[in-house]
Amino acid sequence: MIVPITEWKDRYAVAPWMVRLEPDAENGLDKPSAADAFQVRSVAQERFAQRLGKLADTAMQEITRALAVVLSIEL
């Protein structure tokens, strides 16, 4: 399962399924971005050629909470 990442737009701030991600050396992002939990989908692992970065645990926890909102799951 993946949560796509897109360019951050200020209007996303009110959407509980959009998680703002700041660029840093670990995640490999080059501009403020957003994880869009509303667009979660499954993708075959074979489609991934290389790792571009890794999100911090705090960002992954925020994405988990956003997924819980979208899927109506209590954490």
N, C-alpha and C. Protein backbone atom coordinates (compact mmCIF):
# COMPACT_ATOMS: atom_id res chain seq x y z
N MET A 1 0.84 -1.17 0.00
CA MET A 1 0.00 0.00 0.00
C MET A 1 0.89 1.23 0.00
N ILE A 2 0.50 2.22 -0.78
CA ILE A 2 1.25 3.47 -0.83
C ILE A 2 0.32 4.66 -0.60
N VAL A 3 0.90 5.71 -0.10
CA VAL A 3 0.23 7.00 0.02
C VAL A 3 1.03 7.94 -0.87
N PRO A 4 0.43 8.43 -1.96
CA PRO A 4 1.19 9.28 -2.87
C PRO A 4 1.59 10.61 -2.23
N ILE A 5 2.69 11.15 -2.71
CA ILE A 5 3.19 12.44 -2.25
C ILE A 5 3.11 13.42 -3.40
N THR A 6 2.60 14.60 -3.10
CA THR A 6 2.43 15.65 -4.10
C THR A 6 2.96 16.97 -3.56
N GLU A 7 3.04 17.96 -4.41
CA GLU A 7 3.51 19.29 -3.99
C GLU A 7 2.51 19.89 -3.00
N TRP A 8 3.02 20.52 -1.94
CA TRP A 8 2.17 21.15 -0.93
C TRP A 8 1.49 22.40 -1.48
N LYS A 9 0.22 22.55 -1.18
CA LYS A 9 -0.54 23.76 -1.48
C LYS A 9 -1.20 24.19 -0.17
N ASP A 10 -1.24 25.49 0.11
CA ASP A 10 -1.77 25.98 1.37
C ASP A 10 -3.20 25.52 1.63
N ARG A 11 -3.98 25.33 0.59
CA ARG A 11 -5.38 24.91 0.77
C ARG A 11 -5.48 23.51 1.38
N TYR A 12 -4.40 22.73 1.35
CA TYR A 12 -4.41 21.39 1.93
C TYR A 12 -4.44 21.41 3.46
N ALA A 13 -4.10 22.53 4.06
CA ALA A 13 -3.97 22.63 5.51
C ALA A 13 -5.26 22.27 6.23
N VAL A 14 -6.41 22.44 5.62
CA VAL A 14 -7.69 22.15 6.27
C VAL A 14 -8.13 20.70 6.07
N ALA A 15 -7.46 19.96 5.21
CA ALA A 15 -7.85 18.57 4.93
C ALA A 15 -7.12 17.62 5.88
N PRO A 16 -7.85 16.88 6.71
CA PRO A 16 -7.21 16.00 7.70
C PRO A 16 -6.47 14.81 7.07
N TRP A 17 -6.68 14.56 5.80
CA TRP A 17 -6.01 13.44 5.12
C TRP A 17 -4.72 13.87 4.41
N MET A 18 -4.41 15.17 4.44
CA MET A 18 -3.18 15.68 3.83
C MET A 18 -2.16 15.95 4.94
N VAL A 19 -1.00 15.34 4.81
CA VAL A 19 0.06 15.49 5.82
C VAL A 19 1.21 16.26 5.19
N ARG A 20 1.50 17.42 5.76
CA ARG A 20 2.61 18.24 5.24
C ARG A 20 3.94 17.58 5.57
N LEU A 21 4.82 17.54 4.58
CA LEU A 21 6.15 16.97 4.71
C LEU A 21 7.18 18.01 4.31
N GLU A 22 8.09 18.31 5.22
CA GLU A 22 9.14 19.27 4.94
C GLU A 22 10.35 18.52 4.36
N PRO A 23 11.03 19.12 3.39
CA PRO A 23 12.20 18.45 2.81
C PRO A 23 13.36 18.40 3.80
N ASP A 24 14.08 17.28 3.76
CA ASP A 24 15.30 17.16 4.54
C ASP A 24 16.20 16.12 3.87
N ALA A 25 17.39 15.97 4.39
CA ALA A 25 18.37 15.06 3.76
C ALA A 25 17.91 13.61 3.80
N GLU A 26 17.16 13.23 4.83
CA GLU A 26 16.73 11.83 4.97
C GLU A 26 15.60 11.46 4.01
N ASN A 27 14.61 12.37 3.85
CA ASN A 27 13.45 11.99 3.03
C ASN A 27 13.65 12.23 1.54
N GLY A 28 14.66 12.98 1.16
CA GLY A 28 14.95 13.18 -0.25
C GLY A 28 14.02 14.14 -0.98
N LEU A 29 13.11 14.78 -0.25
CA LEU A 29 12.21 15.75 -0.89
C LEU A 29 12.97 17.04 -1.17
N ASP A 30 12.60 17.72 -2.26
CA ASP A 30 13.29 18.97 -2.58
C ASP A 30 12.41 20.20 -2.38
N LYS A 31 11.17 20.00 -1.95
CA LYS A 31 10.27 21.12 -1.68
C LYS A 31 9.19 20.64 -0.70
N PRO A 32 8.50 21.58 -0.02
CA PRO A 32 7.41 21.15 0.86
C PRO A 32 6.41 20.32 0.06
N SER A 33 6.01 19.22 0.66
CA SER A 33 5.15 18.26 -0.03
C SER A 33 4.03 17.82 0.88
N ALA A 34 3.12 17.00 0.35
CA ALA A 34 2.01 16.48 1.13
C ALA A 34 1.79 15.02 0.80
N ALA A 35 1.61 14.22 1.85
CA ALA A 35 1.18 12.84 1.68
C ALA A 35 -0.34 12.87 1.64
N ASP A 36 -0.93 12.34 0.57
CA ASP A 36 -2.37 12.39 0.36
C ASP A 36 -3.00 11.04 0.71
N ALA A 37 -3.41 10.88 1.98
CA ALA A 37 -3.95 9.61 2.45
C ALA A 37 -5.29 9.27 1.79
N PHE A 38 -5.94 10.22 1.20
CA PHE A 38 -7.21 9.95 0.51
C PHE A 38 -6.99 9.16 -0.78
N GLN A 39 -5.76 9.19 -1.30
CA GLN A 39 -5.44 8.52 -2.57
C GLN A 39 -4.66 7.22 -2.36
N VAL A 40 -4.79 6.61 -1.18
CA VAL A 40 -4.07 5.37 -0.89
C VAL A 40 -4.42 4.31 -1.93
N ARG A 41 -3.43 3.51 -2.30
CA ARG A 41 -3.65 2.45 -3.29
C ARG A 41 -2.59 1.38 -3.14
N SER A 42 -2.86 0.24 -3.76
CA SER A 42 -1.86 -0.83 -3.73
C SER A 42 -1.04 -0.78 -5.01
N VAL A 43 0.23 -1.10 -4.86
CA VAL A 43 1.17 -1.09 -5.99
C VAL A 43 2.08 -2.31 -5.83
N ALA A 44 2.34 -3.00 -6.91
CA ALA A 44 3.25 -4.14 -6.86
C ALA A 44 4.65 -3.68 -6.49
N GLN A 45 5.31 -4.43 -5.63
CA GLN A 45 6.66 -4.07 -5.19
C GLN A 45 7.64 -4.03 -6.36
N GLU A 46 7.41 -4.79 -7.39
CA GLU A 46 8.29 -4.81 -8.55
C GLU A 46 8.36 -3.46 -9.26
N ARG A 47 7.37 -2.61 -9.04
CA ARG A 47 7.36 -1.30 -9.69
C ARG A 47 8.34 -0.32 -9.07
N PHE A 48 8.86 -0.64 -7.90
CA PHE A 48 9.81 0.25 -7.23
C PHE A 48 11.22 -0.10 -7.66
N ALA A 49 11.88 0.83 -8.34
CA ALA A 49 13.23 0.58 -8.85
C ALA A 49 14.30 0.91 -7.80
N GLN A 50 14.11 2.02 -7.06
CA GLN A 50 15.09 2.42 -6.06
C GLN A 50 14.44 3.28 -5.00
N ARG A 51 15.04 3.28 -3.81
CA ARG A 51 14.54 4.12 -2.72
C ARG A 51 15.11 5.52 -2.89
N LEU A 52 14.24 6.51 -2.84
CA LEU A 52 14.68 7.89 -2.99
C LEU A 52 14.89 8.58 -1.66
N GLY A 53 14.27 8.05 -0.61
CA GLY A 53 14.39 8.65 0.70
C GLY A 53 13.59 7.85 1.70
N LYS A 54 13.61 8.31 2.95
CA LYS A 54 12.89 7.64 4.02
C LYS A 54 12.27 8.69 4.91
N LEU A 55 10.97 8.53 5.21
CA LEU A 55 10.30 9.47 6.09
C LEU A 55 10.62 9.16 7.55
N ALA A 56 10.68 10.20 8.35
CA ALA A 56 10.90 10.07 9.78
C ALA A 56 9.71 9.37 10.42
N ASP A 57 9.93 8.75 11.57
CA ASP A 57 8.86 8.06 12.28
C ASP A 57 7.70 8.98 12.60
N THR A 58 7.99 10.25 12.95
CA THR A 58 6.91 11.18 13.27
C THR A 58 6.02 11.43 12.06
N ALA A 59 6.61 11.56 10.88
CA ALA A 59 5.83 11.75 9.66
C ALA A 59 4.98 10.51 9.37
N MET A 60 5.56 9.34 9.57
CA MET A 60 4.81 8.09 9.34
C MET A 60 3.64 7.98 10.32
N GLN A 61 3.81 8.43 11.54
CA GLN A 61 2.73 8.41 12.52
C GLN A 61 1.61 9.36 12.10
N GLU A 62 1.97 10.53 11.58
CA GLU A 62 0.96 11.48 11.10
C GLU A 62 0.20 10.89 9.91
N ILE A 63 0.90 10.21 9.03
CA ILE A 63 0.25 9.57 7.88
C ILE A 63 -0.67 8.45 8.35
N THR A 64 -0.24 7.71 9.36
CA THR A 64 -1.09 6.66 9.92
C THR A 64 -2.39 7.24 10.47
N ARG A 65 -2.29 8.38 11.17
CA ARG A 65 -3.49 9.04 11.69
C ARG A 65 -4.39 9.53 10.56
N ALA A 66 -3.79 10.05 9.50
CA ALA A 66 -4.58 10.51 8.35
C ALA A 66 -5.29 9.34 7.68
N LEU A 67 -4.60 8.21 7.55
CA LEU A 67 -5.25 7.01 7.01
C LEU A 67 -6.40 6.55 7.88
N ALA A 68 -6.24 6.63 9.18
CA ALA A 68 -7.31 6.24 10.11
C ALA A 68 -8.55 7.11 9.90
N VAL A 69 -8.33 8.40 9.64
CA VAL A 69 -9.47 9.30 9.36
C VAL A 69 -10.17 8.88 8.08
N VAL A 70 -9.41 8.65 7.03
CA VAL A 70 -9.98 8.29 5.73
C VAL A 70 -10.72 6.95 5.80
N LEU A 71 -10.16 5.99 6.53
CA LEU A 71 -10.72 4.64 6.58
C LEU A 71 -11.67 4.44 7.76
N SER A 72 -11.90 5.49 8.55
CA SER A 72 -12.78 5.43 9.72
C SER A 72 -12.35 4.33 10.69
N ILE A 73 -11.06 4.33 11.01
CA ILE A 73 -10.49 3.36 11.92
C ILE A 73 -10.05 4.11 13.18
N GLU A 74 -10.37 3.54 14.35
CA GLU A 74 -9.90 4.14 15.60
C GLU A 74 -8.52 3.59 15.92
N LEU A 75 -7.62 4.47 16.31
CA LEU A 75 -6.27 4.04 16.69
C LEU A 75 -6.16 3.84 18.18
